[in-house]
Amino acid sequence: MAAVIARSLPHTARRGVQLTTVRFAKMMADPFEHATGLEKKELMAKAAGNDNPFDMRVYKRVSGDQNSPTVVPSFCERRLVGCICEEDATCINWMWLDKGEKKRCECGYWFQLVDAKPMV
């Protein structure tokens, strides 16, 4: 009995583990099907042609006096706005803007929050 086990042991040890590569016929489903919540709204807006659905683009300042402030659109009643006061500045001056009131940055430019079309 021991001789039978001794002869089959080297044969079994040589076999080792065999791995086969399996090619899957199905690929990952469309990300649109897996998305939920804000991600799905973003994908729907981009499919409709809106490349910036959350309005996160950088706006250039205008003359910025009290009579014609830089207009910042917002969906909310309040928005955090950053002003790069000098062209080569390495820091951003942040301030909260509320709808209906104009606010002046440290550099002297004026900003005002206005209503924006909400994302559907």
C-alpha atoms as a PDB file:
ATOM      1  CA  MET A   1       0.000   0.000   0.000  1.00  0.00           C
ATOM      2  CA  ALA A   2       2.846   2.329   0.836  1.00  0.00           C
ATOM      3  CA  ALA A   3       4.416   1.606  -2.557  1.00  0.00           C
ATOM      4  CA  VAL A   4       1.255   2.666  -4.383  1.00  0.00           C
ATOM      5  CA  ILE A   5       1.109   5.955  -2.484  1.00  0.00           C
ATOM      6  CA  ALA A   6       4.827   6.550  -3.046  1.00  0.00           C
ATOM      7  CA  ARG A   7       4.466   6.096  -6.839  1.00  0.00           C
ATOM      8  CA  SER A   8       1.385   8.347  -7.180  1.00  0.00           C
ATOM      9  CA  LEU A   9       2.775  11.167  -5.007  1.00  0.00           C
ATOM     10  CA  PRO A  10       5.368  12.491  -7.514  1.00  0.00           C
ATOM     11  CA  HIS A  11       2.811  12.339 -10.315  1.00  0.00           C
ATOM     12  CA  THR A  12       0.291  14.356  -8.279  1.00  0.00           C
ATOM     13  CA  ALA A  13       2.916  16.858  -7.144  1.00  0.00           C
ATOM     14  CA  ARG A  14       3.973  17.540 -10.750  1.00  0.00           C
ATOM     15  CA  ARG A  15       0.450  18.401 -11.819  1.00  0.00           C
ATOM     16  CA  GLY A  16       0.269  21.399  -9.542  1.00  0.00           C
ATOM     17  CA  VAL A  17      -2.480  23.907  -9.955  1.00  0.00           C
ATOM     18  CA  GLN A  18      -3.909  24.536 -13.375  1.00  0.00           C
ATOM     19  CA  LEU A  19      -5.410  27.880 -14.218  1.00  0.00           C
ATOM     20  CA  THR A  20      -7.383  28.570 -17.325  1.00  0.00           C
ATOM     21  CA  THR A  21      -8.086  31.947 -18.783  1.00  0.00           C
ATOM     22  CA  VAL A  22     -11.756  32.510 -19.248  1.00  0.00           C
ATOM     23  CA  ARG A  23     -12.890  35.192 -21.618  1.00  0.00           C
ATOM     24  CA  PHE A  24     -16.131  36.726 -20.524  1.00  0.00           C
ATOM     25  CA  ALA A  25     -18.662  37.267 -23.253  1.00  0.00           C
ATOM     26  CA  LYS A  26     -20.326  40.119 -21.353  1.00  0.00           C
ATOM     27  CA  MET A  27     -18.613  43.411 -20.686  1.00  0.00           C
ATOM     28  CA  MET A  28     -19.391  45.816 -17.864  1.00  0.00           C
ATOM     29  CA  ALA A  29     -22.796  47.375 -18.378  1.00  0.00           C
ATOM     30  CA  ASP A  30     -23.197  51.007 -19.326  1.00  0.00           C
ATOM     31  CA  PRO A  31     -22.276  53.292 -16.357  1.00  0.00           C
ATOM     32  CA  PHE A  32     -25.569  55.105 -16.900  1.00  0.00           C
ATOM     33  CA  GLU A  33     -27.422  51.979 -15.727  1.00  0.00           C
ATOM     34  CA  HIS A  34     -25.403  51.787 -12.479  1.00  0.00           C
ATOM     35  CA  ALA A  35     -25.491  55.485 -11.593  1.00  0.00           C
ATOM     36  CA  THR A  36     -27.859  56.852  -8.971  1.00  0.00           C
ATOM     37  CA  GLY A  37     -28.563  60.216  -7.375  1.00  0.00           C
ATOM     38  CA  LEU A  38     -26.396  63.175  -8.363  1.00  0.00           C
ATOM     39  CA  GLU A  39     -24.135  61.037 -10.520  1.00  0.00           C
ATOM     40  CA  LYS A  40     -27.116  59.966 -12.639  1.00  0.00           C
ATOM     41  CA  LYS A  41     -28.326  63.580 -12.923  1.00  0.00           C
ATOM     42  CA  GLU A  42     -24.845  64.603 -14.051  1.00  0.00           C
ATOM     43  CA  LEU A  43     -24.713  61.857 -16.703  1.00  0.00           C
ATOM     44  CA  MET A  44     -28.202  62.784 -17.935  1.00  0.00           C
ATOM     45  CA  ALA A  45     -27.254  66.468 -18.200  1.00  0.00           C
ATOM     46  CA  LYS A  46     -24.060  65.630 -20.098  1.00  0.00           C
ATOM     47  CA  ALA A  47     -26.039  63.391 -22.468  1.00  0.00           C
ATOM     48  CA  ALA A  48     -28.397  66.323 -23.078  1.00  0.00           C
ATOM     49  CA  GLY A  49     -25.430  68.521 -24.063  1.00  0.00           C
ATOM     50  CA  ASN A  50     -24.699  70.385 -20.806  1.00  0.00           C
ATOM     51  CA  ASP A  51     -20.968  69.880 -20.185  1.00  0.00           C
ATOM     52  CA  ASN A  52     -21.046  71.805 -16.898  1.00  0.00           C
ATOM     53  CA  PRO A  53     -24.227  70.684 -15.084  1.00  0.00           C
ATOM     54  CA  PHE A  54     -23.199  71.928 -11.620  1.00  0.00           C
ATOM     55  CA  ASP A  55     -21.970  75.296 -12.921  1.00  0.00           C
ATOM     56  CA  MET A  56     -18.430  74.872 -11.587  1.00  0.00           C
ATOM     57  CA  ARG A  57     -16.670  76.914 -14.279  1.00  0.00           C
ATOM     58  CA  VAL A  58     -14.369  79.814 -13.513  1.00  0.00           C
ATOM     59  CA  TYR A  59     -15.846  83.239 -14.194  1.00  0.00           C
ATOM     60  CA  LYS A  60     -13.760  86.239 -15.174  1.00  0.00           C
ATOM     61  CA  ARG A  61     -14.260  89.374 -13.137  1.00  0.00           C
ATOM     62  CA  VAL A  62     -15.826  92.382 -14.834  1.00  0.00           C
ATOM     63  CA  SER A  63     -15.191  96.011 -13.946  1.00  0.00           C
ATOM     64  CA  GLY A  64     -16.422  95.112 -10.493  1.00  0.00           C
ATOM     65  CA  ASP A  65     -17.716  98.403  -9.148  1.00  0.00           C
ATOM     66  CA  GLN A  66     -20.771  98.681  -6.925  1.00  0.00           C
ATOM     67  CA  ASN A  67     -23.096  99.578  -9.823  1.00  0.00           C
ATOM     68  CA  SER A  68     -22.028  96.677 -12.066  1.00  0.00           C
ATOM     69  CA  PRO A  69     -20.733  93.823  -9.898  1.00  0.00           C
ATOM     70  CA  THR A  70     -19.486  90.486 -11.183  1.00  0.00           C
ATOM     71  CA  VAL A  71     -22.580  88.276 -11.416  1.00  0.00           C
ATOM     72  CA  VAL A  72     -22.313  84.769  -9.960  1.00  0.00           C
ATOM     73  CA  PRO A  73     -25.219  82.382 -10.707  1.00  0.00           C
ATOM     74  CA  SER A  74     -26.337  79.982  -7.984  1.00  0.00           C
ATOM     75  CA  PHE A  75     -29.037  77.403  -7.304  1.00  0.00           C
ATOM     76  CA  CYS A  76     -28.865  78.018  -3.558  1.00  0.00           C
ATOM     77  CA  GLU A  77     -29.453  81.020  -1.313  1.00  0.00           C
ATOM     78  CA  ARG A  78     -25.771  81.137  -0.403  1.00  0.00           C
ATOM     79  CA  ARG A  79     -22.546  80.305  -2.242  1.00  0.00           C
ATOM     80  CA  LEU A  80     -18.863  80.257  -1.418  1.00  0.00           C
ATOM     81  CA  VAL A  81     -16.907  82.318  -3.954  1.00  0.00           C
ATOM     82  CA  GLY A  82     -13.164  82.598  -4.391  1.00  0.00           C
ATOM     83  CA  CYS A  83     -11.480  85.686  -5.815  1.00  0.00           C
ATOM     84  CA  ILE A  84      -7.951  85.612  -7.213  1.00  0.00           C
ATOM     85  CA  CYS A  85      -7.160  89.249  -6.573  1.00  0.00           C
ATOM     86  CA  GLU A  86      -3.916  89.444  -8.579  1.00  0.00           C
ATOM     87  CA  GLU A  87      -3.089  87.577 -11.752  1.00  0.00           C
ATOM     88  CA  ASP A  88      -0.010  85.882 -10.305  1.00  0.00           C
ATOM     89  CA  ALA A  89      -1.414  85.353  -6.803  1.00  0.00           C
ATOM     90  CA  THR A  90      -0.831  81.982  -5.167  1.00  0.00           C
ATOM     91  CA  CYS A  91      -3.759  82.222  -2.757  1.00  0.00           C
ATOM     92  CA  ILE A  92      -7.497  82.634  -3.136  1.00  0.00           C
ATOM     93  CA  ASN A  93      -9.637  84.989  -1.059  1.00  0.00           C
ATOM     94  CA  TRP A  94     -12.826  83.131  -0.126  1.00  0.00           C
ATOM     95  CA  MET A  95     -16.096  84.809   0.851  1.00  0.00           C
ATOM     96  CA  TRP A  96     -19.744  83.868   1.298  1.00  0.00           C
ATOM     97  CA  LEU A  97     -22.260  85.513  -1.018  1.00  0.00           C
ATOM     98  CA  ASP A  98     -25.964  85.730  -0.146  1.00  0.00           C
ATOM     99  CA  LYS A  99     -28.677  86.318  -2.748  1.00  0.00           C
ATOM    100  CA  GLY A 100     -29.879  89.879  -3.030  1.00  0.00           C
ATOM    101  CA  GLU A 101     -26.839  91.608  -1.560  1.00  0.00           C
ATOM    102  CA  LYS A 102     -23.615  92.812  -3.138  1.00  0.00           C
ATOM    103  CA  LYS A 103     -20.319  92.056  -1.452  1.00  0.00           C
ATOM    104  CA  ARG A 104     -16.888  93.608  -1.877  1.00  0.00           C
ATOM    105  CA  CYS A 105     -13.679  91.564  -1.923  1.00  0.00           C
ATOM    106  CA  GLU A 106     -10.497  92.709  -0.209  1.00  0.00           C
ATOM    107  CA  CYS A 107      -9.098  93.736  -3.615  1.00  0.00           C
ATOM    108  CA  GLY A 108     -12.019  96.091  -4.281  1.00  0.00           C
ATOM    109  CA  TYR A 109     -14.058  94.060  -6.776  1.00  0.00           C
ATOM    110  CA  TRP A 110     -17.792  93.645  -6.160  1.00  0.00           C
ATOM    111  CA  PHE A 111     -19.763  90.394  -6.526  1.00  0.00           C
ATOM    112  CA  GLN A 112     -23.475  89.596  -6.528  1.00  0.00           C
ATOM    113  CA  LEU A 113     -25.323  86.275  -6.389  1.00  0.00           C
ATOM    114  CA  VAL A 114     -28.216  85.803  -8.835  1.00  0.00           C
ATOM    115  CA  ASP A 115     -30.684  82.977  -9.512  1.00  0.00           C
ATOM    116  CA  ALA A 116     -29.600  80.248 -11.877  1.00  0.00           C
ATOM    117  CA  LYS A 117     -31.748  77.716 -13.674  1.00  0.00           C
ATOM    118  CA  PRO A 118     -31.868  74.620 -11.455  1.00  0.00           C
ATOM    119  CA  MET A 119     -30.699  71.315 -12.857  1.00  0.00           C
ATOM    120  CA  VAL A 120     -33.621  69.019 -13.620  1.00  0.00           C
END
